[in-house]
Amino acid sequence: MGGRSARLPAAAFPPLQRAQIVELACLEPIAKGLHITHWSSADLARQAINDGIVEAISPRTVRQILAV
């Protein structure tokens, strides 16, 4: 996640991408095949990238999106 876009503030991501990250956070991790009980911001960032929601995002930006 060393790309420049990983350091963008939450507001730099379009509303659709922010909404998809919130939607992802509302899912149980097991729904994505993960054997964890709760999402961490790092898990959500990694999954958002794997799902093609964003090219890059930092755990800090995920936290900012979810805090809004």
PDB file of N, CA and C in Angstrom:
ATOM      1  N   MET A   1       0.809  -1.177   0.000  1.00  0.00           N
ATOM      2  CA  MET A   1       0.000   0.000   0.000  1.00  0.00           C
ATOM      3  C   MET A   1       0.861   1.253   0.000  1.00  0.00           C
ATOM      4  N   GLY A   2       1.951   1.202  -0.671  1.00  0.00           N
ATOM      5  CA  GLY A   2       2.830   2.344  -0.712  1.00  0.00           C
ATOM      6  C   GLY A   2       2.473   3.333  -1.805  1.00  0.00           C
ATOM      7  N   GLY A   3       1.398   3.050  -2.577  1.00  0.00           N
ATOM      8  CA  GLY A   3       1.027   3.955  -3.644  1.00  0.00           C
ATOM      9  C   GLY A   3       0.491   5.278  -3.127  1.00  0.00           C
ATOM     10  N   ARG A   4       0.592   6.281  -3.959  1.00  0.00           N
ATOM     11  CA  ARG A   4       0.158   7.619  -3.565  1.00  0.00           C
ATOM     12  C   ARG A   4      -1.306   7.648  -3.153  1.00  0.00           C
ATOM     13  N   SER A   5      -2.166   6.928  -3.866  1.00  0.00           N
ATOM     14  CA  SER A   5      -3.585   6.961  -3.551  1.00  0.00           C
ATOM     15  C   SER A   5      -3.885   6.383  -2.181  1.00  0.00           C
ATOM     16  N   ALA A   6      -2.993   5.573  -1.643  1.00  0.00           N
ATOM     17  CA  ALA A   6      -3.202   5.015  -0.311  1.00  0.00           C
ATOM     18  C   ALA A   6      -3.134   6.106   0.748  1.00  0.00           C
ATOM     19  N   ARG A   7      -2.529   7.247   0.411  1.00  0.00           N
ATOM     20  CA  ARG A   7      -2.387   8.327   1.380  1.00  0.00           C
ATOM     21  C   ARG A   7      -3.420   9.421   1.206  1.00  0.00           C
ATOM     22  N   LEU A   8      -4.356   9.246   0.301  1.00  0.00           N
ATOM     23  CA  LEU A   8      -5.382  10.252   0.078  1.00  0.00           C
ATOM     24  C   LEU A   8      -6.358  10.277   1.252  1.00  0.00           C
ATOM     25  N   PRO A   9      -6.895  11.446   1.571  1.00  0.00           N
ATOM     26  CA  PRO A   9      -7.908  11.514   2.630  1.00  0.00           C
ATOM     27  C   PRO A   9      -9.198  10.848   2.164  1.00  0.00           C
ATOM     28  N   ALA A  10     -10.029  10.489   3.109  1.00  0.00           N
ATOM     29  CA  ALA A  10     -11.281   9.802   2.791  1.00  0.00           C
ATOM     30  C   ALA A  10     -12.120  10.583   1.789  1.00  0.00           C
ATOM     31  N   ALA A  11     -12.126  11.905   1.903  1.00  0.00           N
ATOM     32  CA  ALA A  11     -12.936  12.736   1.001  1.00  0.00           C
ATOM     33  C   ALA A  11     -12.474  12.647  -0.446  1.00  0.00           C
ATOM     34  N   ALA A  12     -11.255  12.179  -0.683  1.00  0.00           N
ATOM     35  CA  ALA A  12     -10.734  12.071  -2.044  1.00  0.00           C
ATOM     36  C   ALA A  12     -11.334  10.874  -2.788  1.00  0.00           C
ATOM     37  N   PHE A  13     -11.948   9.946  -2.069  1.00  0.00           N
ATOM     38  CA  PHE A  13     -12.574   8.790  -2.708  1.00  0.00           C
ATOM     39  C   PHE A  13     -14.011   9.148  -3.066  1.00  0.00           C
ATOM     40  N   PRO A  14     -14.463   8.752  -4.251  1.00  0.00           N
ATOM     41  CA  PRO A  14     -15.830   9.057  -4.663  1.00  0.00           C
ATOM     42  C   PRO A  14     -16.860   8.460  -3.694  1.00  0.00           C
ATOM     43  N   PRO A  15     -18.039   9.062  -3.629  1.00  0.00           N
ATOM     44  CA  PRO A  15     -19.077   8.561  -2.723  1.00  0.00           C
ATOM     45  C   PRO A  15     -19.394   7.074  -2.914  1.00  0.00           C
ATOM     46  N   LEU A  16     -19.399   6.601  -4.155  1.00  0.00           N
ATOM     47  CA  LEU A  16     -19.699   5.184  -4.396  1.00  0.00           C
ATOM     48  C   LEU A  16     -18.662   4.291  -3.736  1.00  0.00           C
ATOM     49  N   GLN A  17     -17.398   4.623  -3.864  1.00  0.00           N
ATOM     50  CA  GLN A  17     -16.354   3.810  -3.236  1.00  0.00           C
ATOM     51  C   GLN A  17     -16.477   3.854  -1.709  1.00  0.00           C
ATOM     52  N   ARG A  18     -16.758   5.024  -1.160  1.00  0.00           N
ATOM     53  CA  ARG A  18     -16.928   5.124   0.290  1.00  0.00           C
ATOM     54  C   ARG A  18     -18.112   4.270   0.750  1.00  0.00           C
ATOM     55  N   ALA A  19     -19.205   4.317  -0.010  1.00  0.00           N
ATOM     56  CA  ALA A  19     -20.384   3.524   0.331  1.00  0.00           C
ATOM     57  C   ALA A  19     -20.084   2.025   0.252  1.00  0.00           C
ATOM     58  N   GLN A  20     -19.300   1.621  -0.742  1.00  0.00           N
ATOM     59  CA  GLN A  20     -18.956   0.200  -0.875  1.00  0.00           C
ATOM     60  C   GLN A  20     -18.071  -0.258   0.286  1.00  0.00           C
ATOM     61  N   ILE A  21     -17.218   0.607   0.781  1.00  0.00           N
ATOM     62  CA  ILE A  21     -16.382   0.254   1.929  1.00  0.00           C
ATOM     63  C   ILE A  21     -17.244   0.126   3.181  1.00  0.00           C
ATOM     64  N   VAL A  22     -18.205   1.023   3.349  1.00  0.00           N
ATOM     65  CA  VAL A  22     -19.129   0.920   4.483  1.00  0.00           C
ATOM     66  C   VAL A  22     -19.936  -0.372   4.372  1.00  0.00           C
ATOM     67  N   GLU A  23     -20.407  -0.682   3.173  1.00  0.00           N
ATOM     68  CA  GLU A  23     -21.163  -1.918   2.954  1.00  0.00           C
ATOM     69  C   GLU A  23     -20.304  -3.139   3.300  1.00  0.00           C
ATOM     70  N   LEU A  24     -19.057  -3.123   2.882  1.00  0.00           N
ATOM     71  CA  LEU A  24     -18.138  -4.214   3.195  1.00  0.00           C
ATOM     72  C   LEU A  24     -17.985  -4.360   4.705  1.00  0.00           C
ATOM     73  N   ALA A  25     -17.851  -3.250   5.398  1.00  0.00           N
ATOM     74  CA  ALA A  25     -17.677  -3.282   6.852  1.00  0.00           C
ATOM     75  C   ALA A  25     -18.900  -3.849   7.566  1.00  0.00           C
ATOM     76  N   CYS A  26     -20.064  -3.745   6.939  1.00  0.00           N
ATOM     77  CA  CYS A  26     -21.294  -4.261   7.539  1.00  0.00           C
ATOM     78  C   CYS A  26     -21.432  -5.777   7.384  1.00  0.00           C
ATOM     79  N   LEU A  27     -20.646  -6.354   6.496  1.00  0.00           N
ATOM     80  CA  LEU A  27     -20.674  -7.811   6.307  1.00  0.00           C
ATOM     81  C   LEU A  27     -19.887  -8.512   7.408  1.00  0.00           C
ATOM     82  N   GLU A  28     -20.288  -9.716   7.716  1.00  0.00           N
ATOM     83  CA  GLU A  28     -19.477 -10.562   8.584  1.00  0.00           C
ATOM     84  C   GLU A  28     -18.272 -11.010   7.754  1.00  0.00           C
ATOM     85  N   PRO A  29     -17.076 -11.001   8.318  1.00  0.00           N
ATOM     86  CA  PRO A  29     -15.889 -11.416   7.552  1.00  0.00           C
ATOM     87  C   PRO A  29     -16.011 -12.818   6.947  1.00  0.00           C
ATOM     88  N   ILE A  30     -16.731 -13.701   7.608  1.00  0.00           N
ATOM     89  CA  ILE A  30     -16.885 -15.064   7.095  1.00  0.00           C
ATOM     90  C   ILE A  30     -17.599 -15.058   5.738  1.00  0.00           C
ATOM     91  N   ALA A  31     -18.423 -14.028   5.477  1.00  0.00           N
ATOM     92  CA  ALA A  31     -19.113 -13.920   4.188  1.00  0.00           C
ATOM     93  C   ALA A  31     -18.117 -13.738   3.048  1.00  0.00           C
ATOM     94  N   LYS A  32     -16.925 -13.278   3.369  1.00  0.00           N
ATOM     95  CA  LYS A  32     -15.861 -13.115   2.379  1.00  0.00           C
ATOM     96  C   LYS A  32     -14.844 -14.258   2.472  1.00  0.00           C
ATOM     97  N   GLY A  33     -15.185 -15.287   3.250  1.00  0.00           N
ATOM     98  CA  GLY A  33     -14.305 -16.443   3.367  1.00  0.00           C
ATOM     99  C   GLY A  33     -13.156 -16.254   4.339  1.00  0.00           C
ATOM    100  N   LEU A  34     -13.230 -15.229   5.170  1.00  0.00           N
ATOM    101  CA  LEU A  34     -12.163 -14.972   6.132  1.00  0.00           C
ATOM    102  C   LEU A  34     -12.499 -15.624   7.472  1.00  0.00           C
ATOM    103  N   HIS A  35     -11.520 -16.183   8.091  1.00  0.00           N
ATOM    104  CA  HIS A  35     -11.733 -16.860   9.363  1.00  0.00           C
ATOM    105  C   HIS A  35     -11.346 -15.945  10.520  1.00  0.00           C
ATOM    106  N   ILE A  36     -12.023 -14.788  10.540  1.00  0.00           N
ATOM    107  CA  ILE A  36     -11.860 -13.828  11.625  1.00  0.00           C
ATOM    108  C   ILE A  36     -13.260 -13.453  12.095  1.00  0.00           C
ATOM    109  N   THR A  37     -13.369 -12.971  13.316  1.00  0.00           N
ATOM    110  CA  THR A  37     -14.695 -12.644  13.840  1.00  0.00           C
ATOM    111  C   THR A  37     -15.062 -11.179  13.672  1.00  0.00           C
ATOM    112  N   HIS A  38     -14.072 -10.307  13.592  1.00  0.00           N
ATOM    113  CA  HIS A  38     -14.315  -8.878  13.452  1.00  0.00           C
ATOM    114  C   HIS A  38     -13.340  -8.287  12.434  1.00  0.00           C
ATOM    115  N   TRP A  39     -13.806  -7.276  11.713  1.00  0.00           N
ATOM    116  CA  TRP A  39     -12.933  -6.587  10.783  1.00  0.00           C
ATOM    117  C   TRP A  39     -11.982  -5.665  11.526  1.00  0.00           C
ATOM    118  N   SER A  40     -10.758  -5.620  11.118  1.00  0.00           N
ATOM    119  CA  SER A  40      -9.842  -4.549  11.517  1.00  0.00           C
ATOM    120  C   SER A  40      -9.785  -3.598  10.322  1.00  0.00           C
ATOM    121  N   SER A  41      -9.291  -2.400  10.546  1.00  0.00           N
ATOM    122  CA  SER A  41      -9.193  -1.475   9.422  1.00  0.00           C
ATOM    123  C   SER A  41      -8.214  -2.003   8.374  1.00  0.00           C
ATOM    124  N   ALA A  42      -7.184  -2.709   8.812  1.00  0.00           N
ATOM    125  CA  ALA A  42      -6.231  -3.301   7.864  1.00  0.00           C
ATOM    126  C   ALA A  42      -6.901  -4.406   7.043  1.00  0.00           C
ATOM    127  N   ASP A  43      -7.722  -5.222   7.696  1.00  0.00           N
ATOM    128  CA  ASP A  43      -8.457  -6.269   6.975  1.00  0.00           C
ATOM    129  C   ASP A  43      -9.395  -5.659   5.943  1.00  0.00           C
ATOM    130  N   LEU A  44     -10.104  -4.600   6.338  1.00  0.00           N
ATOM    131  CA  LEU A  44     -11.035  -3.944   5.419  1.00  0.00           C
ATOM    132  C   LEU A  44     -10.306  -3.317   4.242  1.00  0.00           C
ATOM    133  N   ALA A  45      -9.182  -2.685   4.506  1.00  0.00           N
ATOM    134  CA  ALA A  45      -8.398  -2.079   3.424  1.00  0.00           C
ATOM    135  C   ALA A  45      -7.952  -3.151   2.436  1.00  0.00           C
ATOM    136  N   ARG A  46      -7.426  -4.241   2.955  1.00  0.00           N
ATOM    137  CA  ARG A  46      -6.957  -5.340   2.107  1.00  0.00           C
ATOM    138  C   ARG A  46      -8.110  -5.927   1.289  1.00  0.00           C
ATOM    139  N   GLN A  47      -9.267  -6.125   1.936  1.00  0.00           N
ATOM    140  CA  GLN A  47     -10.403  -6.712   1.240  1.00  0.00           C
ATOM    141  C   GLN A  47     -10.967  -5.766   0.186  1.00  0.00           C
ATOM    142  N   ALA A  48     -10.995  -4.469   0.475  1.00  0.00           N
ATOM    143  CA  ALA A  48     -11.478  -3.492  -0.502  1.00  0.00           C
ATOM    144  C   ALA A  48     -10.603  -3.512  -1.753  1.00  0.00           C
ATOM    145  N   ILE A  49      -9.313  -3.682  -1.570  1.00  0.00           N
ATOM    146  CA  ILE A  49      -8.397  -3.785  -2.703  1.00  0.00           C
ATOM    147  C   ILE A  49      -8.633  -5.100  -3.438  1.00  0.00           C
ATOM    148  N   ASN A  50      -8.729  -6.199  -2.697  1.00  0.00           N
ATOM    149  CA  ASN A  50      -8.955  -7.513  -3.316  1.00  0.00           C
ATOM    150  C   ASN A  50     -10.268  -7.575  -4.085  1.00  0.00           C
ATOM    151  N   ASP A  51     -11.296  -6.880  -3.570  1.00  0.00           N
ATOM    152  CA  ASP A  51     -12.608  -6.878  -4.222  1.00  0.00           C
ATOM    153  C   ASP A  51     -12.672  -5.902  -5.395  1.00  0.00           C
ATOM    154  N   GLY A  52     -11.617  -5.118  -5.604  1.00  0.00           N
ATOM    155  CA  GLY A  52     -11.591  -4.183  -6.708  1.00  0.00           C
ATOM    156  C   GLY A  52     -12.366  -2.890  -6.445  1.00  0.00           C
ATOM    157  N   ILE A  53     -12.679  -2.626  -5.186  1.00  0.00           N
ATOM    158  CA  ILE A  53     -13.386  -1.392  -4.844  1.00  0.00           C
ATOM    159  C   ILE A  53     -12.465  -0.196  -5.066  1.00  0.00           C
ATOM    160  N   VAL A  54     -11.224  -0.345  -4.641  1.00  0.00           N
ATOM    161  CA  VAL A  54     -10.209   0.704  -4.795  1.00  0.00           C
ATOM    162  C   VAL A  54      -8.904   0.053  -5.240  1.00  0.00           C
ATOM    163  N   GLU A  55      -8.034   0.837  -5.844  1.00  0.00           N
ATOM    164  CA  GLU A  55      -6.713   0.318  -6.223  1.00  0.00           C
ATOM    165  C   GLU A  55      -5.797   0.249  -5.014  1.00  0.00           C
ATOM    166  N   ALA A  56      -5.928   1.231  -4.127  1.00  0.00           N
ATOM    167  CA  ALA A  56      -5.111   1.281  -2.919  1.00  0.00           C
ATOM    168  C   ALA A  56      -5.834   2.130  -1.887  1.00  0.00           C
ATOM    169  N   ILE A  57      -5.698   1.748  -0.622  1.00  0.00           N
ATOM    170  CA  ILE A  57      -6.286   2.509   0.474  1.00  0.00           C
ATOM    171  C   ILE A  57      -5.567   2.099   1.756  1.00  0.00           C
ATOM    172  N   SER A  58      -5.386   3.030   2.640  1.00  0.00           N
ATOM    173  CA  SER A  58      -4.709   2.724   3.897  1.00  0.00           C
ATOM    174  C   SER A  58      -5.733   2.393   4.974  1.00  0.00           C
ATOM    175  N   PRO A  59      -5.325   1.643   5.976  1.00  0.00           N
ATOM    176  CA  PRO A  59      -6.226   1.382   7.108  1.00  0.00           C
ATOM    177  C   PRO A  59      -6.716   2.684   7.756  1.00  0.00           C
ATOM    178  N   ARG A  60      -5.854   3.699   7.811  1.00  0.00           N
ATOM    179  CA  ARG A  60      -6.251   4.982   8.395  1.00  0.00           C
ATOM    180  C   ARG A  60      -7.395   5.611   7.600  1.00  0.00           C
ATOM    181  N   THR A  61      -7.328   5.547   6.272  1.00  0.00           N
ATOM    182  CA  THR A  61      -8.388   6.109   5.444  1.00  0.00           C
ATOM    183  C   THR A  61      -9.681   5.320   5.622  1.00  0.00           C
ATOM    184  N   VAL A  62      -9.584   4.005   5.771  1.00  0.00           N
ATOM    185  CA  VAL A  62     -10.768   3.199   6.050  1.00  0.00           C
ATOM    186  C   VAL A  62     -11.412   3.661   7.350  1.00  0.00           C
ATOM    187  N   ARG A  63     -10.607   3.884   8.390  1.00  0.00           N
ATOM    188  CA  ARG A  63     -11.140   4.371   9.652  1.00  0.00           C
ATOM    189  C   ARG A  63     -11.837   5.715   9.488  1.00  0.00           C
ATOM    190  N   GLN A  64     -11.257   6.600   8.678  1.00  0.00           N
ATOM    191  CA  GLN A  64     -11.858   7.914   8.436  1.00  0.00           C
ATOM    192  C   GLN A  64     -13.205   7.771   7.736  1.00  0.00           C
ATOM    193  N   ILE A  65     -13.277   6.886   6.761  1.00  0.00           N
ATOM    194  CA  ILE A  65     -14.525   6.671   6.032  1.00  0.00           C
ATOM    195  C   ILE A  65     -15.607   6.153   6.977  1.00  0.00           C
ATOM    196  N   LEU A  66     -15.245   5.217   7.825  1.00  0.00           N
ATOM    197  CA  LEU A  66     -16.229   4.622   8.727  1.00  0.00           C
ATOM    198  C   LEU A  66     -16.619   5.563   9.862  1.00  0.00           C
ATOM    199  N   ALA A  67     -15.814   6.547  10.151  1.00  0.00           N
ATOM    200  CA  ALA A  67     -16.094   7.482  11.235  1.00  0.00           C
ATOM    201  C   ALA A  67     -17.101   8.564  10.827  1.00  0.00           C
ATOM    202  N   VAL A  68     -17.338   8.705   9.535  1.00  0.00           N
ATOM    203  CA  VAL A  68     -18.213   9.785   9.051  1.00  0.00           C
ATOM    204  C   VAL A  68     -19.657   9.462   9.338  1.00  0.00           C
TER     205      VAL A  68
END
